[in-house]
PDB file of N, CA and C in Angstrom:
ATOM      1  N   UNK A   1     -69.160  29.359 -29.540  1.00  0.00           N
ATOM      2  CA  UNK A   1     -69.646  28.009 -29.676  1.00  0.00           C
ATOM      3  C   UNK A   1     -71.186  28.030 -29.667  1.00  0.00           C
ATOM      4  N   UNK A   2     -71.787  27.225 -30.550  1.00  0.00           N
ATOM      5  CA  UNK A   2     -73.246  27.217 -30.678  1.00  0.00           C
ATOM      6  C   UNK A   2     -73.857  26.500 -29.476  1.00  0.00           C
ATOM      7  N   UNK A   3     -75.016  26.973 -29.102  1.00  0.00           N
ATOM      8  CA  UNK A   3     -75.746  26.389 -28.013  1.00  0.00           C
ATOM      9  C   UNK A   3     -76.348  25.051 -28.404  1.00  0.00           C
ATOM     10  N   UNK A   4     -76.292  24.058 -27.561  1.00  0.00           N
ATOM     11  CA  UNK A   4     -76.845  22.762 -27.851  1.00  0.00           C
ATOM     12  C   UNK A   4     -78.387  22.833 -27.795  1.00  0.00           C
ATOM     13  N   UNK A   5     -79.054  22.314 -28.817  1.00  0.00           N
ATOM     14  CA  UNK A   5     -80.497  22.372 -28.875  1.00  0.00           C
ATOM     15  C   UNK A   5     -81.082  21.329 -27.926  1.00  0.00           C
ATOM     16  N   UNK A   6     -82.130  21.753 -27.207  1.00  0.00           N
ATOM     17  CA  UNK A   6     -82.777  20.864 -26.233  1.00  0.00           C
ATOM     18  C   UNK A   6     -83.920  20.123 -26.910  1.00  0.00           C
ATOM     19  N   UNK A   7     -83.997  18.849 -26.693  1.00  0.00           N
ATOM     20  CA  UNK A   7     -85.142  18.047 -27.176  1.00  0.00           C
ATOM     21  C   UNK A   7     -86.243  18.170 -26.121  1.00  0.00           C
ATOM     22  N   UNK A   8     -87.207  19.081 -26.397  1.00  0.00           N
ATOM     23  CA  UNK A   8     -88.255  19.363 -25.416  1.00  0.00           C
ATOM     24  C   UNK A   8     -89.120  18.182 -25.154  1.00  0.00           C
ATOM     25  N   UNK A   9     -89.422  17.396 -26.206  1.00  0.00           N
ATOM     26  CA  UNK A   9     -90.264  16.251 -25.987  1.00  0.00           C
ATOM     27  C   UNK A   9     -89.597  15.217 -25.079  1.00  0.00           C
ATOM     28  N   UNK A  10     -88.276  15.064 -25.229  1.00  0.00           N
ATOM     29  CA  UNK A  10     -87.569  14.140 -24.342  1.00  0.00           C
ATOM     30  C   UNK A  10     -87.601  14.650 -22.910  1.00  0.00           C
ATOM     31  N   UNK A  11     -87.400  15.956 -22.719  1.00  0.00           N
ATOM     32  CA  UNK A  11     -87.466  16.526 -21.388  1.00  0.00           C
ATOM     33  C   UNK A  11     -88.854  16.303 -20.765  1.00  0.00           C
ATOM     34  N   UNK A  12     -89.898  16.457 -21.562  1.00  0.00           N
ATOM     35  CA  UNK A  12     -91.244  16.238 -21.072  1.00  0.00           C
ATOM     36  C   UNK A  12     -91.410  14.777 -20.652  1.00  0.00           C
ATOM     37  N   UNK A  13     -90.944  13.850 -21.477  1.00  0.00           N
ATOM     38  CA  UNK A  13     -91.051  12.425 -21.154  1.00  0.00           C
ATOM     39  C   UNK A  13     -90.306  12.127 -19.849  1.00  0.00           C
ATOM     40  N   UNK A  14     -89.106  12.670 -19.710  1.00  0.00           N
ATOM     41  CA  UNK A  14     -88.314  12.411 -18.488  1.00  0.00           C
ATOM     42  C   UNK A  14     -89.046  12.949 -17.269  1.00  0.00           C
ATOM     43  N   UNK A  15     -89.601  14.144 -17.362  1.00  0.00           N
ATOM     44  CA  UNK A  15     -90.306  14.768 -16.245  1.00  0.00           C
ATOM     45  C   UNK A  15     -91.566  14.000 -15.933  1.00  0.00           C
ATOM     46  N   UNK A  16     -92.304  13.577 -16.926  1.00  0.00           N
ATOM     47  CA  UNK A  16     -93.522  12.774 -16.699  1.00  0.00           C
ATOM     48  C   UNK A  16     -93.200  11.494 -15.951  1.00  0.00           C
ATOM     49  N   UNK A  17     -92.086  10.873 -16.314  1.00  0.00           N
ATOM     50  CA  UNK A  17     -91.657   9.665 -15.629  1.00  0.00           C
ATOM     51  C   UNK A  17     -91.429   9.892 -14.126  1.00  0.00           C
ATOM     52  N   UNK A  18     -90.806  11.011 -13.813  1.00  0.00           N
ATOM     53  CA  UNK A  18     -90.517  11.302 -12.419  1.00  0.00           C
ATOM     54  C   UNK A  18     -91.768  11.839 -11.646  1.00  0.00           C
ATOM     55  N   UNK A  19     -92.711  12.430 -12.392  1.00  0.00           N
ATOM     56  CA  UNK A  19     -93.894  12.993 -11.765  1.00  0.00           C
ATOM     57  C   UNK A  19     -95.059  12.022 -11.682  1.00  0.00           C
ATOM     58  N   UNK A  20     -94.929  10.820 -12.202  1.00  0.00           N
ATOM     59  CA  UNK A  20     -95.997   9.841 -12.104  1.00  0.00           C
ATOM     60  C   UNK A  20     -96.767   9.634 -13.399  1.00  0.00           C
ATOM     61  N   UNK A  21     -96.168   9.926 -14.518  1.00  0.00           N
ATOM     62  CA  UNK A  21     -96.743   9.617 -15.821  1.00  0.00           C
ATOM     63  C   UNK A  21     -98.041  10.355 -16.125  1.00  0.00           C
ATOM     64  N   UNK A  22     -99.065   9.589 -16.427  1.00  0.00           N
ATOM     65  CA  UNK A  22    -100.342  10.160 -16.904  1.00  0.00           C
ATOM     66  C   UNK A  22    -101.051  10.957 -15.811  1.00  0.00           C
ATOM     67  N   UNK A  23    -100.685  10.774 -14.561  1.00  0.00           N
ATOM     68  CA  UNK A  23    -101.344  11.473 -13.475  1.00  0.00           C
ATOM     69  C   UNK A  23    -100.949  12.961 -13.427  1.00  0.00           C
ATOM     70  N   UNK A  24     -99.765  13.313 -13.931  1.00  0.00           N
ATOM     71  CA  UNK A  24     -99.296  14.674 -13.907  1.00  0.00           C
ATOM     72  C   UNK A  24    -100.073  15.549 -14.903  1.00  0.00           C
ATOM     73  N   UNK A  25    -100.508  16.714 -14.438  1.00  0.00           N
ATOM     74  CA  UNK A  25    -101.264  17.606 -15.316  1.00  0.00           C
ATOM     75  C   UNK A  25    -100.273  18.332 -16.230  1.00  0.00           C
ATOM     76  N   UNK A  26    -100.736  18.697 -17.425  1.00  0.00           N
ATOM     77  CA  UNK A  26     -99.871  19.425 -18.372  1.00  0.00           C
ATOM     78  C   UNK A  26     -99.384  20.745 -17.790  1.00  0.00           C
ATOM     79  N   UNK A  27    -100.238  21.439 -17.040  1.00  0.00           N
ATOM     80  CA  UNK A  27     -99.828  22.696 -16.469  1.00  0.00           C
ATOM     81  C   UNK A  27     -98.718  22.514 -15.422  1.00  0.00           C
ATOM     82  N   UNK A  28     -98.770  21.429 -14.658  1.00  0.00           N
ATOM     83  CA  UNK A  28     -97.742  21.166 -13.671  1.00  0.00           C
ATOM     84  C   UNK A  28     -96.404  20.889 -14.348  1.00  0.00           C
ATOM     85  N   UNK A  29     -96.479  20.148 -15.460  1.00  0.00           N
ATOM     86  CA  UNK A  29     -95.247  19.831 -16.224  1.00  0.00           C
ATOM     87  C   UNK A  29     -94.657  21.117 -16.815  1.00  0.00           C
ATOM     88  N   UNK A  30     -95.568  22.010 -17.343  1.00  0.00           N
ATOM     89  CA  UNK A  30     -95.082  23.274 -17.914  1.00  0.00           C
ATOM     90  C   UNK A  30     -94.375  24.078 -16.845  1.00  0.00           C
ATOM     91  N   UNK A  31     -94.952  24.160 -15.646  1.00  0.00           N
ATOM     92  CA  UNK A  31     -94.385  24.945 -14.525  1.00  0.00           C
ATOM     93  C   UNK A  31     -93.045  24.366 -14.127  1.00  0.00           C
ATOM     94  N   UNK A  32     -92.941  23.025 -14.030  1.00  0.00           N
ATOM     95  CA  UNK A  32     -91.682  22.404 -13.606  1.00  0.00           C
ATOM     96  C   UNK A  32     -90.581  22.614 -14.646  1.00  0.00           C
ATOM     97  N   UNK A  33     -90.940  22.565 -15.930  1.00  0.00           N
ATOM     98  CA  UNK A  33     -89.929  22.801 -16.941  1.00  0.00           C
ATOM     99  C   UNK A  33     -89.554  24.252 -17.048  1.00  0.00           C
ATOM    100  N   UNK A  34     -90.508  25.116 -16.768  1.00  0.00           N
ATOM    101  CA  UNK A  34     -90.231  26.572 -16.784  1.00  0.00           C
ATOM    102  C   UNK A  34     -89.179  26.907 -15.685  1.00  0.00           C
ATOM    103  N   UNK A  35     -89.339  26.213 -14.549  1.00  0.00           N
ATOM    104  CA  UNK A  35     -88.324  26.423 -13.470  1.00  0.00           C
ATOM    105  C   UNK A  35     -86.922  26.004 -13.883  1.00  0.00           C
ATOM    106  N   UNK A  36     -86.856  25.067 -14.853  1.00  0.00           N
ATOM    107  CA  UNK A  36     -85.548  24.628 -15.343  1.00  0.00           C
ATOM    108  C   UNK A  36     -85.085  25.452 -16.557  1.00  0.00           C
ATOM    109  N   UNK A  37     -85.931  26.458 -16.936  1.00  0.00           N
ATOM    110  CA  UNK A  37     -85.550  27.300 -18.066  1.00  0.00           C
ATOM    111  C   UNK A  37     -85.951  26.750 -19.422  1.00  0.00           C
ATOM    112  N   UNK A  38     -86.864  25.823 -19.485  1.00  0.00           N
ATOM    113  CA  UNK A  38     -87.315  25.221 -20.733  1.00  0.00           C
ATOM    114  C   UNK A  38     -88.771  25.666 -20.965  1.00  0.00           C
ATOM    115  N   UNK A  39     -88.984  26.317 -22.112  1.00  0.00           N
ATOM    116  CA  UNK A  39     -90.343  26.831 -22.444  1.00  0.00           C
ATOM    117  C   UNK A  39     -91.061  25.763 -23.285  1.00  0.00           C
ATOM    118  N   UNK A  40     -92.218  25.294 -22.761  1.00  0.00           N
ATOM    119  CA  UNK A  40     -93.078  24.396 -23.496  1.00  0.00           C
ATOM    120  C   UNK A  40     -94.528  24.858 -23.223  1.00  0.00           C
ATOM    121  N   UNK A  41     -95.420  24.396 -24.064  1.00  0.00           N
ATOM    122  CA  UNK A  41     -96.859  24.723 -23.849  1.00  0.00           C
ATOM    123  C   UNK A  41     -97.557  23.522 -23.296  1.00  0.00           C
ATOM    124  N   UNK A  42     -98.721  23.767 -22.717  1.00  0.00           N
ATOM    125  CA  UNK A  42     -99.551  22.660 -22.185  1.00  0.00           C
ATOM    126  C   UNK A  42    -100.004  21.757 -23.311  1.00  0.00           C
ATOM    127  N   UNK A  43    -100.251  22.347 -24.513  1.00  0.00           N
ATOM    128  CA  UNK A  43    -100.643  21.530 -25.647  1.00  0.00           C
ATOM    129  C   UNK A  43     -99.543  20.560 -26.032  1.00  0.00           C
ATOM    130  N   UNK A  44     -98.287  21.036 -26.037  1.00  0.00           N
ATOM    131  CA  UNK A  44     -97.162  20.157 -26.386  1.00  0.00           C
ATOM    132  C   UNK A  44     -97.092  19.003 -25.398  1.00  0.00           C
ATOM    133  N   UNK A  45     -97.247  19.316 -24.112  1.00  0.00           N
ATOM    134  CA  UNK A  45     -97.207  18.275 -23.064  1.00  0.00           C
ATOM    135  C   UNK A  45     -98.325  17.258 -23.296  1.00  0.00           C
ATOM    136  N   UNK A  46     -99.525  17.780 -23.608  1.00  0.00           N
ATOM    137  CA  UNK A  46    -100.665  16.864 -23.853  1.00  0.00           C
ATOM    138  C   UNK A  46    -100.377  15.937 -25.032  1.00  0.00           C
ATOM    139  N   UNK A  47     -99.760  16.496 -26.071  1.00  0.00           N
ATOM    140  CA  UNK A  47     -99.454  15.662 -27.266  1.00  0.00           C
ATOM    141  C   UNK A  47     -98.434  14.588 -26.912  1.00  0.00           C
ATOM    142  N   UNK A  48     -97.438  14.938 -26.156  1.00  0.00           N
ATOM    143  CA  UNK A  48     -96.416  13.943 -25.743  1.00  0.00           C
ATOM    144  C   UNK A  48     -97.081  12.895 -24.880  1.00  0.00           C
ATOM    145  N   UNK A  49     -97.948  13.294 -23.955  1.00  0.00           N
ATOM    146  CA  UNK A  49     -98.618  12.317 -23.107  1.00  0.00           C
ATOM    147  C   UNK A  49     -99.478  11.338 -23.904  1.00  0.00           C
ATOM    148  N   UNK A  50    -100.162  11.863 -24.935  1.00  0.00           N
ATOM    149  CA  UNK A  50    -101.009  11.001 -25.766  1.00  0.00           C
ATOM    150  C   UNK A  50    -100.177  10.009 -26.559  1.00  0.00           C
ATOM    151  N   UNK A  51     -99.002  10.444 -27.006  1.00  0.00           N
ATOM    152  CA  UNK A  51     -98.120   9.506 -27.722  1.00  0.00           C
ATOM    153  C   UNK A  51     -97.558   8.446 -26.773  1.00  0.00           C
ATOM    154  N   UNK A  52     -97.290   8.810 -25.541  1.00  0.00           N
ATOM    155  CA  UNK A  52     -96.841   7.857 -24.573  1.00  0.00           C
ATOM    156  C   UNK A  52     -97.945   6.849 -24.254  1.00  0.00           C
ATOM    157  N   UNK A  53     -99.167   7.331 -24.189  1.00  0.00           N
ATOM    158  CA  UNK A  53    -100.302   6.464 -23.875  1.00  0.00           C
ATOM    159  C   UNK A  53    -100.520   5.423 -24.975  1.00  0.00           C
ATOM    160  N   UNK A  54    -100.263   5.811 -26.241  1.00  0.00           N
ATOM    161  CA  UNK A  54    -100.386   4.872 -27.341  1.00  0.00           C
ATOM    162  C   UNK A  54     -99.399   3.726 -27.246  1.00  0.00           C
ATOM    163  N   UNK A  55     -98.247   3.996 -26.661  1.00  0.00           N
ATOM    164  CA  UNK A  55     -97.231   2.979 -26.526  1.00  0.00           C
ATOM    165  C   UNK A  55     -96.534   2.666 -27.823  1.00  0.00           C
ATOM    166  N   UNK A  56     -96.238   1.424 -28.051  1.00  0.00           N
ATOM    167  CA  UNK A  56     -95.465   1.036 -29.248  1.00  0.00           C
ATOM    168  C   UNK A  56     -96.353   0.534 -30.359  1.00  0.00           C
ATOM    169  N   UNK A  57     -97.606   0.889 -30.389  1.00  0.00           N
ATOM    170  CA  UNK A  57     -98.532   0.440 -31.384  1.00  0.00           C
ATOM    171  C   UNK A  57     -98.146   1.004 -32.746  1.00  0.00           C
ATOM    172  N   UNK A  58     -97.441   2.128 -32.770  1.00  0.00           N
ATOM    173  CA  UNK A  58     -97.091   2.739 -34.043  1.00  0.00           C
ATOM    174  C   UNK A  58     -98.203   3.589 -34.569  1.00  0.00           C
ATOM    175  N   UNK A  59     -98.140   3.876 -35.836  1.00  0.00           N
ATOM    176  CA  UNK A  59     -99.132   4.715 -36.435  1.00  0.00           C
ATOM    177  C   UNK A  59    -100.383   3.952 -36.757  1.00  0.00           C
ATOM    178  N   UNK A  60    -101.467   4.687 -36.819  1.00  0.00           N
ATOM    179  CA  UNK A  60    -102.712   4.076 -37.250  1.00  0.00           C
ATOM    180  C   UNK A  60    -102.643   3.843 -38.736  1.00  0.00           C
ATOM    181  N   UNK A  61    -103.226   2.760 -39.180  1.00  0.00           N
ATOM    182  CA  UNK A  61    -103.149   2.498 -40.644  1.00  0.00           C
ATOM    183  C   UNK A  61    -103.908   3.583 -41.403  1.00  0.00           C
ATOM    184  N   UNK A  62    -103.331   3.997 -42.508  1.00  0.00           N
ATOM    185  CA  UNK A  62    -103.956   5.005 -43.320  1.00  0.00           C
ATOM    186  C   UNK A  62    -104.803   4.360 -44.394  1.00  0.00           C
ATOM    187  N   UNK A  63    -104.965   5.081 -45.460  1.00  0.00           N
ATOM    188  CA  UNK A  63    -105.727   4.566 -46.593  1.00  0.00           C
ATOM    189  C   UNK A  63    -104.961   3.421 -47.220  1.00  0.00           C
ATOM    190  N   UNK A  64    -105.726   2.468 -47.724  1.00  0.00           N
ATOM    191  CA  UNK A  64    -105.078   1.343 -48.425  1.00  0.00           C
ATOM    192  C   UNK A  64    -104.731   1.754 -49.834  1.00  0.00           C
ATOM    193  N   UNK A  65    -103.627   1.282 -50.332  1.00  0.00           N
ATOM    194  CA  UNK A  65    -103.256   1.601 -51.692  1.00  0.00           C
ATOM    195  C   UNK A  65    -104.303   1.100 -52.687  1.00  0.00           C
ATOM    196  N   UNK A  66    -104.393   1.701 -53.804  1.00  0.00           N
ATOM    197  CA  UNK A  66    -105.380   1.335 -54.824  1.00  0.00           C
ATOM    198  C   UNK A  66    -105.216  -0.151 -55.172  1.00  0.00           C
ATOM    199  N   UNK A  67    -106.362  -0.779 -55.301  1.00  0.00           N
ATOM    200  CA  UNK A  67    -106.340  -2.213 -55.683  1.00  0.00           C
ATOM    201  C   UNK A  67    -106.242  -3.151 -54.530  1.00  0.00           C
ATOM    202  N   UNK A  68    -106.146  -2.669 -53.276  1.00  0.00           N
ATOM    203  CA  UNK A  68    -106.057  -3.565 -52.148  1.00  0.00           C
ATOM    204  C   UNK A  68    -107.247  -3.424 -51.214  1.00  0.00           C
ATOM    205  N   UNK A  69    -108.314  -2.832 -51.687  1.00  0.00           N
ATOM    206  CA  UNK A  69    -109.492  -2.648 -50.872  1.00  0.00           C
ATOM    207  C   UNK A  69    -110.172  -4.009 -50.700  1.00  0.00           C
ATOM    208  N   UNK A  70    -110.731  -4.249 -49.527  1.00  0.00           N
ATOM    209  CA  UNK A  70    -111.403  -5.510 -49.251  1.00  0.00           C
ATOM    210  C   UNK A  70    -112.830  -5.550 -49.747  1.00  0.00           C
ATOM    211  N   UNK A  71    -113.405  -4.413 -50.166  1.00  0.00           N
ATOM    212  CA  UNK A  71    -114.774  -4.384 -50.587  1.00  0.00           C
ATOM    213  C   UNK A  71    -114.935  -4.319 -52.110  1.00  0.00           C
ATOM    214  N   UNK A  72    -113.910  -4.718 -52.830  1.00  0.00           N
ATOM    215  CA  UNK A  72    -114.040  -4.779 -54.277  1.00  0.00           C
ATOM    216  C   UNK A  72    -114.826  -5.995 -54.708  1.00  0.00           C
ATOM    217  N   UNK A  73    -115.659  -5.808 -55.731  1.00  0.00           N
ATOM    218  CA  UNK A  73    -116.411  -6.949 -56.263  1.00  0.00           C
ATOM    219  C   UNK A  73    -116.061  -7.131 -57.728  1.00  0.00           C
ATOM    220  N   UNK A  74    -116.163  -8.361 -58.175  1.00  0.00           N
ATOM    221  CA  UNK A  74    -115.801  -8.624 -59.560  1.00  0.00           C
ATOM    222  C   UNK A  74    -117.001  -8.359 -60.473  1.00  0.00           C
ATOM    223  N   UNK A  75    -116.730  -8.325 -61.731  1.00  0.00           N
ATOM    224  CA  UNK A  75    -117.786  -8.147 -62.732  1.00  0.00           C
ATOM    225  C   UNK A  75    -118.808  -9.260 -62.652  1.00  0.00           C
ATOM    226  N   UNK A  76    -118.337 -10.458 -62.433  1.00  0.00           N
ATOM    227  CA  UNK A  76    -119.235 -11.630 -62.303  1.00  0.00           C
ATOM    228  C   UNK A  76    -120.153 -11.472 -61.132  1.00  0.00           C
ATOM    229  N   UNK A  77    -119.612 -10.944 -60.003  1.00  0.00           N
ATOM    230  CA  UNK A  77    -120.447 -10.690 -58.814  1.00  0.00           C
ATOM    231  C   UNK A  77    -121.554  -9.662 -59.122  1.00  0.00           C
ATOM    232  N   UNK A  78    -121.199  -8.601 -59.825  1.00  0.00           N
ATOM    233  CA  UNK A  78    -122.142  -7.573 -60.167  1.00  0.00           C
ATOM    234  C   UNK A  78    -123.232  -8.110 -61.110  1.00  0.00           C
ATOM    235  N   UNK A  79    -122.831  -8.963 -62.024  1.00  0.00           N
ATOM    236  CA  UNK A  79    -123.801  -9.546 -62.949  1.00  0.00           C
ATOM    237  C   UNK A  79    -124.757 -10.470 -62.203  1.00  0.00           C
ATOM    238  N   UNK A  80    -124.253 -11.231 -61.233  1.00  0.00           N
ATOM    239  CA  UNK A  80    -125.114 -12.098 -60.435  1.00  0.00           C
ATOM    240  C   UNK A  80    -126.049 -11.276 -59.577  1.00  0.00           C
ATOM    241  N   UNK A  81    -125.594 -10.186 -59.019  1.00  0.00           N
ATOM    242  CA  UNK A  81    -126.446  -9.287 -58.238  1.00  0.00           C
ATOM    243  C   UNK A  81    -127.546  -8.699 -59.126  1.00  0.00           C
ATOM    244  N   UNK A  82    -127.183  -8.332 -60.322  1.00  0.00           N
ATOM    245  CA  UNK A  82    -128.174  -7.768 -61.244  1.00  0.00           C
ATOM    246  C   UNK A  82    -129.258  -8.800 -61.584  1.00  0.00           C
ATOM    247  N   UNK A  83    -128.847 -10.063 -61.796  1.00  0.00           N
ATOM    248  CA  UNK A  83    -129.813 -11.127 -62.089  1.00  0.00           C
ATOM    249  C   UNK A  83    -130.746 -11.325 -60.879  1.00  0.00           C
ATOM    250  N   UNK A  84    -130.179 -11.268 -59.648  1.00  0.00           N
ATOM    251  CA  UNK A  84    -130.992 -11.419 -58.443  1.00  0.00           C
ATOM    252  C   UNK A  84    -132.028 -10.321 -58.351  1.00  0.00           C
ATOM    253  N   UNK A  85    -131.632  -9.092 -58.656  1.00  0.00           N
ATOM    254  CA  UNK A  85    -132.562  -7.963 -58.614  1.00  0.00           C
ATOM    255  C   UNK A  85    -133.643  -8.146 -59.689  1.00  0.00           C
ATOM    256  N   UNK A  86    -133.271  -8.629 -60.847  1.00  0.00           N
ATOM    257  CA  UNK A  86    -134.274  -8.882 -61.889  1.00  0.00           C
ATOM    258  C   UNK A  86    -135.269  -9.954 -61.464  1.00  0.00           C
ATOM    259  N   UNK A  87    -134.786 -10.997 -60.830  1.00  0.00           N
ATOM    260  CA  UNK A  87    -135.679 -12.112 -60.382  1.00  0.00           C
ATOM    261  C   UNK A  87    -136.609 -11.591 -59.255  1.00  0.00           C
ATOM    262  N   UNK A  88    -136.075 -10.865 -58.303  1.00  0.00           N
ATOM    263  CA  UNK A  88    -136.876 -10.425 -57.146  1.00  0.00           C
ATOM    264  C   UNK A  88    -137.672  -9.153 -57.411  1.00  0.00           C
ATOM    265  N   UNK A  89    -137.336  -8.419 -58.459  1.00  0.00           N
ATOM    266  CA  UNK A  89    -138.131  -7.269 -58.864  1.00  0.00           C
ATOM    267  C   UNK A  89    -137.610  -5.896 -58.426  1.00  0.00           C
ATOM    268  N   UNK A  90    -136.809  -5.834 -57.356  1.00  0.00           N
ATOM    269  CA  UNK A  90    -136.283  -4.530 -56.938  1.00  0.00           C
ATOM    270  C   UNK A  90    -135.026  -4.698 -56.097  1.00  0.00           C
ATOM    271  N   UNK A  91    -134.282  -3.605 -55.961  1.00  0.00           N
ATOM    272  CA  UNK A  91    -133.065  -3.617 -55.124  1.00  0.00           C
ATOM    273  C   UNK A  91    -133.468  -3.847 -53.675  1.00  0.00           C
ATOM    274  N   UNK A  92    -134.588  -3.216 -53.255  1.00  0.00           N
ATOM    275  CA  UNK A  92    -135.051  -3.357 -51.881  1.00  0.00           C
ATOM    276  C   UNK A  92    -135.361  -4.824 -51.558  1.00  0.00           C
ATOM    277  N   UNK A  93    -136.021  -5.508 -52.484  1.00  0.00           N
ATOM    278  CA  UNK A  93    -136.343  -6.926 -52.249  1.00  0.00           C
ATOM    279  C   UNK A  93    -135.069  -7.766 -52.166  1.00  0.00           C
ATOM    280  N   UNK A  94    -134.096  -7.448 -53.001  1.00  0.00           N
ATOM    281  CA  UNK A  94    -132.832  -8.184 -52.980  1.00  0.00           C
ATOM    282  C   UNK A  94    -132.109  -7.924 -51.647  1.00  0.00           C
ATOM    283  N   UNK A  95    -132.089  -6.696 -51.196  1.00  0.00           N
ATOM    284  CA  UNK A  95    -131.472  -6.380 -49.900  1.00  0.00           C
ATOM    285  C   UNK A  95    -132.159  -7.058 -48.751  1.00  0.00           C
ATOM    286  N   UNK A  96    -133.464  -7.142 -48.834  1.00  0.00           N
ATOM    287  CA  UNK A  96    -134.240  -7.840 -47.788  1.00  0.00           C
ATOM    288  C   UNK A  96    -133.890  -9.326 -47.754  1.00  0.00           C
ATOM    289  N   UNK A  97    -133.813  -9.942 -48.943  1.00  0.00           N
ATOM    290  CA  UNK A  97    -133.480 -11.345 -49.027  1.00  0.00           C
ATOM    291  C   UNK A  97    -132.050 -11.597 -48.498  1.00  0.00           C
ATOM    292  N   UNK A  98    -131.137 -10.722 -48.808  1.00  0.00           N
ATOM    293  CA  UNK A  98    -129.761 -10.848 -48.339  1.00  0.00           C
ATOM    294  C   UNK A  98    -129.688 -10.707 -46.865  1.00  0.00           C
ATOM    295  N   UNK A  99    -130.521  -9.791 -46.301  1.00  0.00           N
ATOM    296  CA  UNK A  99    -130.602  -9.601 -44.843  1.00  0.00           C
ATOM    297  C   UNK A  99    -131.092 -10.842 -44.159  1.00  0.00           C
ATOM    298  N   UNK A 100    -132.107 -11.493 -44.737  1.00  0.00           N
ATOM    299  CA  UNK A 100    -132.613 -12.732 -44.158  1.00  0.00           C
ATOM    300  C   UNK A 100    -131.547 -13.816 -44.192  1.00  0.00           C
ATOM    301  N   UNK A 101    -130.852 -13.945 -45.302  1.00  0.00           N
ATOM    302  CA  UNK A 101    -129.775 -14.897 -45.418  1.00  0.00           C
ATOM    303  C   UNK A 101    -128.664 -14.655 -44.416  1.00  0.00           C
ATOM    304  N   UNK A 102    -128.332 -13.422 -44.170  1.00  0.00           N
ATOM    305  CA  UNK A 102    -127.293 -13.082 -43.219  1.00  0.00           C
ATOM    306  C   UNK A 102    -127.685 -13.492 -41.799  1.00  0.00           C
ATOM    307  N   UNK A 103    -128.961 -13.351 -41.445  1.00  0.00           N
ATOM    308  CA  UNK A 103    -129.409 -13.774 -40.119  1.00  0.00           C
ATOM    309  C   UNK A 103    -129.439 -15.274 -39.973  1.00  0.00           C
ATOM    310  N   UNK A 104    -129.557 -15.987 -41.061  1.00  0.00           N
ATOM    311  CA  UNK A 104    -129.610 -17.485 -40.983  1.00  0.00           C
ATOM    312  C   UNK A 104    -128.204 -18.057 -40.790  1.00  0.00           C
ATOM    313  N   UNK A 105    -127.170 -17.344 -41.110  1.00  0.00           N
ATOM    314  CA  UNK A 105    -125.812 -17.857 -40.975  1.00  0.00           C
ATOM    315  C   UNK A 105    -125.416 -18.004 -39.579  1.00  0.00           C
TER     316      UNK A 105
END
């Protein structure tokens, strides 16, 4: 009969719960599990602890799909910006004016 595979992460979570959660050091958890015949590394314990610390927030958001970026500007916006630069004489002058407007808001 095949040996049942142990879920090491689950064993780490169970042991952390009994040892006081985040207060337990990874090396102490490794030693306690080694006594039970389960081989884990301190790095594995640290990773499980960090996932527990995150809670149920889920994954961090990744890159946004193409076309859903919030910093896209339209062609009309670019043309207006170009006209502003032509009126003020330089990009630096336009940036300065925009900075002043931002502070007035």
